[in-house]
Amino acid sequence: MEEYIPKIVEEKGLLDQAYGEVLVELTKCPICGRYMLDVPKGCYRCFPLYRKINIRQQMKAVGWVLKSYTKVDEEYICKECVEAGKATFECSLCHKRYNTNDIQERFGYQPDYLCKHCYKTVPAEVWEKKFDELEKEHMYDFD
């Protein structure tokens, strides 16, 4: 890859547009196994706007998906898996896995979670003890 040289693709015509072919880094979604592209915020303008070759059409043609900002077991997953409800977490109190919609509290980095189920069902003393323990454990984390 060290020898790769970006290319310019010129389109002659009314506007004399040019496009650049560059390498982009891809990662695999740990849930579905498809390659994910992380498009930085505001970078959609970097891609052609023409509907037949916009970023979504290009990605669809090669089977890539967009990377989300949601992690499962400390790995980012794709937006499609998030939308399909495949994002899960393990509750630090009951140690069961739940959908991320069931997060009641999140602590630090690498995060620990407490679920809504425990919040509703365990005695307040148990909840507060675990809450305080996790808060203390993560008090110097930067998220």
N, C-alpha and C. Protein backbone atom coordinates (compact mmCIF):
# COMPACT_ATOMS: atom_id res chain seq x y z
N MET A 1 0.80 -1.19 0.00
CA MET A 1 0.00 0.00 0.00
C MET A 1 0.85 1.26 0.00
N GLU A 2 2.08 1.15 0.43
CA GLU A 2 2.92 2.33 0.50
C GLU A 2 3.14 2.95 -0.88
N GLU A 3 3.01 2.16 -1.92
CA GLU A 3 3.22 2.69 -3.27
C GLU A 3 1.95 3.25 -3.90
N TYR A 4 0.83 3.16 -3.19
CA TYR A 4 -0.42 3.65 -3.77
C TYR A 4 -0.34 5.15 -4.02
N ILE A 5 -0.77 5.56 -5.20
CA ILE A 5 -0.79 6.98 -5.57
C ILE A 5 -2.24 7.35 -5.88
N PRO A 6 -2.77 8.34 -5.17
CA PRO A 6 -4.14 8.78 -5.47
C PRO A 6 -4.25 9.22 -6.93
N LYS A 7 -5.46 9.06 -7.48
CA LYS A 7 -5.68 9.40 -8.88
C LYS A 7 -6.72 10.50 -8.99
N ILE A 8 -6.62 11.27 -10.06
CA ILE A 8 -7.61 12.29 -10.35
C ILE A 8 -8.42 11.81 -11.55
N VAL A 9 -9.73 11.87 -11.40
CA VAL A 9 -10.64 11.50 -12.49
C VAL A 9 -11.34 12.80 -12.90
N GLU A 10 -11.04 13.24 -14.10
CA GLU A 10 -11.63 14.49 -14.59
C GLU A 10 -12.85 14.19 -15.44
N GLU A 11 -13.83 15.05 -15.29
CA GLU A 11 -15.06 14.91 -16.07
C GLU A 11 -15.22 16.18 -16.90
N LYS A 12 -14.96 16.06 -18.19
CA LYS A 12 -15.07 17.21 -19.08
C LYS A 12 -16.54 17.47 -19.38
N GLY A 13 -16.87 18.69 -19.50
CA GLY A 13 -18.25 19.03 -19.81
C GLY A 13 -18.57 20.41 -19.33
N LEU A 14 -19.81 20.57 -18.95
CA LEU A 14 -20.31 21.88 -18.56
C LEU A 14 -19.54 22.49 -17.38
N LEU A 15 -19.25 21.69 -16.38
CA LEU A 15 -18.61 22.23 -15.18
C LEU A 15 -17.14 21.84 -15.04
N ASP A 16 -16.63 20.98 -15.89
CA ASP A 16 -15.25 20.50 -15.79
C ASP A 16 -14.92 20.06 -14.36
N GLN A 17 -15.65 19.08 -13.87
CA GLN A 17 -15.45 18.59 -12.51
C GLN A 17 -14.31 17.58 -12.45
N ALA A 18 -13.75 17.45 -11.27
CA ALA A 18 -12.70 16.45 -11.05
C ALA A 18 -13.01 15.73 -9.74
N TYR A 19 -12.65 14.46 -9.70
CA TYR A 19 -12.83 13.63 -8.51
C TYR A 19 -11.50 13.00 -8.17
N GLY A 20 -11.31 12.67 -6.92
CA GLY A 20 -10.08 12.01 -6.51
C GLY A 20 -10.37 10.60 -6.04
N GLU A 21 -9.57 9.66 -6.48
CA GLU A 21 -9.64 8.28 -5.99
C GLU A 21 -8.55 8.13 -4.94
N VAL A 22 -8.95 7.85 -3.71
CA VAL A 22 -8.01 7.70 -2.60
C VAL A 22 -8.33 6.43 -1.82
N LEU A 23 -7.39 6.00 -1.02
CA LEU A 23 -7.64 4.86 -0.15
C LEU A 23 -8.43 5.34 1.08
N VAL A 24 -9.35 4.53 1.52
CA VAL A 24 -10.05 4.80 2.77
C VAL A 24 -9.91 3.56 3.65
N GLU A 25 -9.87 3.78 4.94
CA GLU A 25 -9.74 2.66 5.87
C GLU A 25 -11.12 2.08 6.17
N LEU A 26 -11.21 0.77 6.16
CA LEU A 26 -12.45 0.07 6.47
C LEU A 26 -12.22 -0.83 7.67
N THR A 27 -13.27 -1.02 8.45
CA THR A 27 -13.23 -2.00 9.54
C THR A 27 -14.45 -2.90 9.37
N LYS A 28 -14.39 -4.08 9.94
CA LYS A 28 -15.53 -4.99 9.84
C LYS A 28 -16.45 -4.84 11.04
N CYS A 29 -17.74 -4.88 10.76
CA CYS A 29 -18.73 -4.86 11.84
C CYS A 29 -18.62 -6.21 12.57
N PRO A 30 -18.43 -6.19 13.89
CA PRO A 30 -18.29 -7.45 14.62
C PRO A 30 -19.57 -8.28 14.67
N ILE A 31 -20.70 -7.67 14.31
CA ILE A 31 -21.96 -8.40 14.36
C ILE A 31 -22.30 -9.02 13.01
N CYS A 32 -22.31 -8.21 11.94
CA CYS A 32 -22.73 -8.73 10.63
C CYS A 32 -21.55 -9.08 9.72
N GLY A 33 -20.36 -8.62 10.05
CA GLY A 33 -19.18 -8.96 9.27
C GLY A 33 -18.97 -8.13 8.01
N ARG A 34 -19.84 -7.15 7.76
CA ARG A 34 -19.66 -6.32 6.57
C ARG A 34 -18.64 -5.21 6.85
N TYR A 35 -18.00 -4.74 5.78
CA TYR A 35 -17.05 -3.65 5.93
C TYR A 35 -17.78 -2.35 6.21
N MET A 36 -17.23 -1.58 7.16
CA MET A 36 -17.82 -0.31 7.57
C MET A 36 -16.91 0.83 7.15
N LEU A 37 -17.52 1.89 6.67
CA LEU A 37 -16.81 3.11 6.34
C LEU A 37 -17.20 4.16 7.37
N ASP A 38 -16.21 4.81 7.95
CA ASP A 38 -16.45 5.87 8.92
C ASP A 38 -16.35 7.20 8.18
N VAL A 39 -17.49 7.80 7.91
CA VAL A 39 -17.52 9.08 7.20
C VAL A 39 -17.57 10.19 8.24
N PRO A 40 -16.50 10.98 8.34
CA PRO A 40 -16.49 12.05 9.34
C PRO A 40 -17.63 13.04 9.13
N LYS A 41 -18.10 13.60 10.22
CA LYS A 41 -19.20 14.56 10.18
C LYS A 41 -18.85 15.69 9.21
N GLY A 42 -19.77 16.01 8.33
CA GLY A 42 -19.56 17.08 7.37
C GLY A 42 -18.83 16.66 6.11
N CYS A 43 -18.38 15.42 6.05
CA CYS A 43 -17.60 14.97 4.90
C CYS A 43 -18.47 14.47 3.75
N TYR A 44 -19.76 14.39 3.93
CA TYR A 44 -20.62 13.93 2.84
C TYR A 44 -20.48 14.82 1.61
N ARG A 45 -20.11 16.06 1.81
CA ARG A 45 -19.91 16.97 0.68
C ARG A 45 -18.67 16.59 -0.12
N CYS A 46 -17.83 15.72 0.42
CA CYS A 46 -16.63 15.27 -0.29
C CYS A 46 -16.99 14.31 -1.43
N PHE A 47 -18.17 13.72 -1.36
CA PHE A 47 -18.58 12.71 -2.32
C PHE A 47 -19.49 13.32 -3.38
N PRO A 48 -19.53 12.71 -4.57
CA PRO A 48 -20.41 13.23 -5.62
C PRO A 48 -21.86 13.27 -5.13
N LEU A 49 -22.58 14.28 -5.55
CA LEU A 49 -23.97 14.44 -5.15
C LEU A 49 -24.92 13.76 -6.13
N TYR A 50 -24.43 13.45 -7.32
CA TYR A 50 -25.26 12.82 -8.33
C TYR A 50 -25.82 11.51 -7.78
N ARG A 51 -27.12 11.33 -7.85
CA ARG A 51 -27.79 10.23 -7.17
C ARG A 51 -27.32 8.84 -7.56
N LYS A 52 -26.78 8.67 -8.76
CA LYS A 52 -26.34 7.33 -9.18
C LYS A 52 -24.95 6.98 -8.66
N ILE A 53 -24.19 7.98 -8.21
CA ILE A 53 -22.84 7.68 -7.69
C ILE A 53 -22.58 8.38 -6.36
N ASN A 54 -23.65 8.75 -5.65
CA ASN A 54 -23.42 9.36 -4.33
C ASN A 54 -22.84 8.29 -3.39
N ILE A 55 -22.46 8.69 -2.20
CA ILE A 55 -21.79 7.75 -1.29
C ILE A 55 -22.65 6.53 -0.97
N ARG A 56 -23.92 6.72 -0.78
CA ARG A 56 -24.78 5.57 -0.45
C ARG A 56 -24.85 4.58 -1.60
N GLN A 57 -24.95 5.07 -2.82
CA GLN A 57 -25.00 4.17 -3.98
C GLN A 57 -23.67 3.45 -4.18
N GLN A 58 -22.56 4.15 -3.99
CA GLN A 58 -21.26 3.51 -4.13
C GLN A 58 -21.08 2.41 -3.08
N MET A 59 -21.47 2.71 -1.85
CA MET A 59 -21.33 1.72 -0.78
C MET A 59 -22.24 0.52 -1.01
N LYS A 60 -23.44 0.79 -1.48
CA LYS A 60 -24.39 -0.30 -1.77
C LYS A 60 -23.83 -1.22 -2.85
N ALA A 61 -23.18 -0.63 -3.85
CA ALA A 61 -22.63 -1.42 -4.96
C ALA A 61 -21.55 -2.40 -4.52
N VAL A 62 -20.82 -2.07 -3.45
CA VAL A 62 -19.75 -2.95 -2.99
C VAL A 62 -20.08 -3.66 -1.67
N GLY A 63 -21.28 -3.41 -1.12
CA GLY A 63 -21.70 -4.09 0.10
C GLY A 63 -21.14 -3.51 1.38
N TRP A 64 -20.71 -2.25 1.36
CA TRP A 64 -20.22 -1.61 2.57
C TRP A 64 -21.39 -0.98 3.33
N VAL A 65 -21.16 -0.73 4.61
CA VAL A 65 -22.15 -0.06 5.45
C VAL A 65 -21.47 1.07 6.21
N LEU A 66 -22.27 1.97 6.75
CA LEU A 66 -21.73 3.08 7.54
C LEU A 66 -21.45 2.63 8.96
N LYS A 67 -20.35 3.11 9.51
CA LYS A 67 -19.99 2.83 10.89
C LYS A 67 -20.84 3.71 11.79
N SER A 68 -21.29 3.18 12.91
CA SER A 68 -22.06 3.96 13.87
C SER A 68 -21.13 4.43 14.99
N TYR A 69 -21.70 5.14 15.94
CA TYR A 69 -20.96 5.54 17.13
C TYR A 69 -21.39 4.71 18.32
N THR A 70 -21.96 3.55 18.05
CA THR A 70 -22.42 2.63 19.08
C THR A 70 -21.46 1.46 19.18
N LYS A 71 -21.10 1.12 20.39
CA LYS A 71 -20.19 0.00 20.61
C LYS A 71 -20.93 -1.16 21.26
N VAL A 72 -20.50 -2.37 20.90
CA VAL A 72 -20.92 -3.59 21.57
C VAL A 72 -19.63 -4.27 22.00
N ASP A 73 -19.50 -4.50 23.28
CA ASP A 73 -18.28 -5.09 23.84
C ASP A 73 -17.03 -4.35 23.35
N GLU A 74 -17.11 -3.04 23.40
CA GLU A 74 -16.00 -2.13 23.08
C GLU A 74 -15.59 -2.09 21.61
N GLU A 75 -16.43 -2.58 20.73
CA GLU A 75 -16.16 -2.49 19.30
C GLU A 75 -17.32 -1.77 18.63
N TYR A 76 -16.99 -0.82 17.74
CA TYR A 76 -18.04 -0.12 17.01
C TYR A 76 -18.75 -1.08 16.07
N ILE A 77 -20.05 -0.88 15.92
CA ILE A 77 -20.83 -1.69 15.00
C ILE A 77 -21.43 -0.78 13.93
N CYS A 78 -21.99 -1.37 12.90
CA CYS A 78 -22.53 -0.58 11.79
C CYS A 78 -23.90 0.00 12.15
N LYS A 79 -24.29 1.03 11.40
CA LYS A 79 -25.58 1.69 11.65
C LYS A 79 -26.74 0.75 11.39
N GLU A 80 -26.60 -0.15 10.43
CA GLU A 80 -27.69 -1.08 10.13
C GLU A 80 -27.94 -2.03 11.30
N CYS A 81 -26.88 -2.50 11.94
CA CYS A 81 -27.05 -3.39 13.10
C CYS A 81 -27.65 -2.63 14.28
N VAL A 82 -27.28 -1.36 14.44
CA VAL A 82 -27.87 -0.55 15.50
C VAL A 82 -29.37 -0.41 15.25
N GLU A 83 -29.73 -0.06 14.01
CA GLU A 83 -31.15 0.14 13.66
C GLU A 83 -31.95 -1.15 13.77
N ALA A 84 -31.28 -2.30 13.60
CA ALA A 84 -31.96 -3.59 13.70
C ALA A 84 -32.05 -4.07 15.15
N GLY A 85 -31.55 -3.27 16.09
CA GLY A 85 -31.64 -3.63 17.51
C GLY A 85 -30.62 -4.66 17.94
N LYS A 86 -29.50 -4.75 17.23
CA LYS A 86 -28.49 -5.75 17.57
C LYS A 86 -27.43 -5.23 18.52
N ALA A 87 -27.54 -3.97 18.91
CA ALA A 87 -26.58 -3.40 19.85
C ALA A 87 -26.99 -3.81 21.26
N THR A 88 -26.11 -4.48 21.94
CA THR A 88 -26.41 -4.96 23.29
C THR A 88 -25.30 -4.56 24.26
N PHE A 89 -25.61 -4.68 25.55
CA PHE A 89 -24.64 -4.41 26.60
C PHE A 89 -24.87 -5.41 27.72
N GLU A 90 -23.87 -5.55 28.58
CA GLU A 90 -24.02 -6.39 29.76
C GLU A 90 -24.17 -5.50 30.98
N CYS A 91 -25.22 -5.75 31.74
CA CYS A 91 -25.46 -4.99 32.98
C CYS A 91 -24.44 -5.44 34.03
N SER A 92 -23.82 -4.48 34.68
CA SER A 92 -22.81 -4.79 35.71
C SER A 92 -23.41 -5.31 37.00
N LEU A 93 -24.73 -5.22 37.13
CA LEU A 93 -25.37 -5.69 38.35
C LEU A 93 -25.94 -7.10 38.18
N CYS A 94 -26.75 -7.31 37.15
CA CYS A 94 -27.36 -8.64 36.96
C CYS A 94 -26.59 -9.52 35.97
N HIS A 95 -25.66 -8.93 35.24
CA HIS A 95 -24.81 -9.62 34.26
C HIS A 95 -25.59 -10.25 33.11
N LYS A 96 -26.75 -9.70 32.82
CA LYS A 96 -27.53 -10.13 31.66
C LYS A 96 -27.30 -9.15 30.53
N ARG A 97 -27.52 -9.62 29.29
CA ARG A 97 -27.37 -8.77 28.12
C ARG A 97 -28.72 -8.20 27.72
N TYR A 98 -28.72 -6.91 27.39
CA TYR A 98 -29.92 -6.22 26.97
C TYR A 98 -29.61 -5.34 25.77
N ASN A 99 -30.68 -4.92 25.08
CA ASN A 99 -30.57 -3.97 24.00
C ASN A 99 -30.15 -2.62 24.60
N THR A 100 -29.42 -1.83 23.85
CA THR A 100 -28.93 -0.56 24.39
C THR A 100 -30.05 0.40 24.78
N ASN A 101 -31.26 0.15 24.33
CA ASN A 101 -32.39 0.98 24.76
C ASN A 101 -32.67 0.79 26.25
N ASP A 102 -32.14 -0.28 26.83
CA ASP A 102 -32.39 -0.59 28.24
C ASP A 102 -31.29 -0.10 29.18
N ILE A 103 -30.42 0.79 28.70
CA ILE A 103 -29.39 1.35 29.57
C ILE A 103 -30.03 2.40 30.48
N GLN A 104 -29.83 2.24 31.77
CA GLN A 104 -30.29 3.24 32.75
C GLN A 104 -29.15 4.19 33.10
N GLU A 105 -27.96 3.63 33.31
CA GLU A 105 -26.78 4.43 33.66
C GLU A 105 -25.56 3.90 32.91
N ARG A 106 -24.67 4.81 32.54
CA ARG A 106 -23.42 4.47 31.85
C ARG A 106 -22.29 5.14 32.61
N PHE A 107 -21.20 4.39 32.82
CA PHE A 107 -20.08 4.91 33.59
C PHE A 107 -18.79 4.77 32.81
N GLY A 108 -18.14 5.89 32.52
CA GLY A 108 -16.76 5.93 32.08
C GLY A 108 -16.40 5.27 30.78
N TYR A 109 -15.09 5.05 30.65
CA TYR A 109 -14.48 4.46 29.47
C TYR A 109 -13.39 3.52 29.96
N GLN A 110 -13.39 2.39 29.57
CA GLN A 110 -14.29 1.44 28.94
C GLN A 110 -15.54 1.36 29.81
N PRO A 111 -16.70 1.54 29.22
CA PRO A 111 -17.90 1.74 30.03
C PRO A 111 -18.42 0.50 30.74
N ASP A 112 -19.05 0.78 31.86
CA ASP A 112 -19.87 -0.18 32.57
C ASP A 112 -21.29 0.36 32.53
N TYR A 113 -22.26 -0.53 32.59
CA TYR A 113 -23.65 -0.12 32.46
C TYR A 113 -24.50 -0.72 33.57
N LEU A 114 -25.59 -0.03 33.88
CA LEU A 114 -26.65 -0.56 34.73
C LEU A 114 -27.93 -0.49 33.91
N CYS A 115 -28.74 -1.54 34.01
CA CYS A 115 -29.94 -1.64 33.17
C CYS A 115 -31.19 -1.09 33.85
N LYS A 116 -32.18 -0.79 33.02
CA LYS A 116 -33.47 -0.32 33.50
C LYS A 116 -34.21 -1.39 34.29
N HIS A 117 -33.97 -2.66 33.94
CA HIS A 117 -34.64 -3.75 34.65
C HIS A 117 -34.21 -3.79 36.12
N CYS A 118 -32.90 -3.68 36.35
CA CYS A 118 -32.40 -3.67 37.73
C CYS A 118 -32.88 -2.42 38.45
N TYR A 119 -32.90 -1.30 37.76
CA TYR A 119 -33.35 -0.04 38.37
C TYR A 119 -34.77 -0.18 38.92
N LYS A 120 -35.60 -0.93 38.19
CA LYS A 120 -37.00 -1.10 38.60
C LYS A 120 -37.20 -2.21 39.62
N THR A 121 -36.28 -3.17 39.68
CA THR A 121 -36.56 -4.37 40.47
C THR A 121 -35.67 -4.59 41.70
N VAL A 122 -34.43 -4.14 41.69
CA VAL A 122 -33.57 -4.44 42.84
C VAL A 122 -33.82 -3.42 43.96
N PRO A 123 -33.57 -3.80 45.20
CA PRO A 123 -33.72 -2.85 46.30
C PRO A 123 -32.82 -1.63 46.11
N ALA A 124 -33.29 -0.48 46.56
CA ALA A 124 -32.55 0.78 46.39
C ALA A 124 -31.14 0.69 46.97
N GLU A 125 -30.98 0.00 48.10
CA GLU A 125 -29.66 -0.14 48.72
C GLU A 125 -28.68 -0.83 47.79
N VAL A 126 -29.15 -1.89 47.12
CA VAL A 126 -28.30 -2.66 46.21
C VAL A 126 -27.93 -1.79 45.02
N TRP A 127 -28.92 -1.08 44.46
CA TRP A 127 -28.68 -0.20 43.31
C TRP A 127 -27.67 0.89 43.66
N GLU A 128 -27.89 1.56 44.77
CA GLU A 128 -27.03 2.66 45.17
C GLU A 128 -25.60 2.20 45.47
N LYS A 129 -25.48 1.03 46.04
CA LYS A 129 -24.14 0.49 46.33
C LYS A 129 -23.37 0.24 45.04
N LYS A 130 -24.03 -0.39 44.06
CA LYS A 130 -23.38 -0.66 42.78
C LYS A 130 -23.12 0.64 42.02
N PHE A 131 -24.08 1.55 42.05
CA PHE A 131 -23.92 2.85 41.40
C PHE A 131 -22.69 3.57 41.95
N ASP A 132 -22.58 3.65 43.27
CA ASP A 132 -21.45 4.33 43.91
C ASP A 132 -20.13 3.63 43.58
N GLU A 133 -20.15 2.30 43.56
CA GLU A 133 -18.95 1.53 43.24
C GLU A 133 -18.47 1.85 41.82
N LEU A 134 -19.39 1.86 40.86
CA LEU A 134 -19.02 2.13 39.47
C LEU A 134 -18.61 3.59 39.27
N GLU A 135 -19.28 4.48 39.94
CA GLU A 135 -18.93 5.89 39.85
C GLU A 135 -17.51 6.12 40.38
N LYS A 136 -17.19 5.48 41.49
CA LYS A 136 -15.84 5.61 42.06
C LYS A 136 -14.80 4.98 41.14
N GLU A 137 -15.12 3.81 40.59
CA GLU A 137 -14.21 3.10 39.69
C GLU A 137 -13.87 3.92 38.45
N HIS A 138 -14.82 4.70 37.98
CA HIS A 138 -14.64 5.43 36.72
C HIS A 138 -14.44 6.94 36.92
N MET A 139 -14.19 7.36 38.13
CA MET A 139 -14.16 8.80 38.40
C MET A 139 -13.07 9.55 37.62
N TYR A 140 -12.02 8.88 37.20
CA TYR A 140 -10.95 9.56 36.45
C TYR A 140 -10.94 9.21 34.97
N ASP A 141 -11.96 8.53 34.52
CA ASP A 141 -12.06 8.20 33.09
C ASP A 141 -12.40 9.44 32.29
N PHE A 142 -11.89 9.48 31.10
CA PHE A 142 -12.28 10.54 30.17
C PHE A 142 -13.05 9.88 29.06
N ASP A 143 -14.21 10.36 28.82
CA ASP A 143 -15.14 9.74 27.89
C ASP A 143 -15.24 10.51 26.60
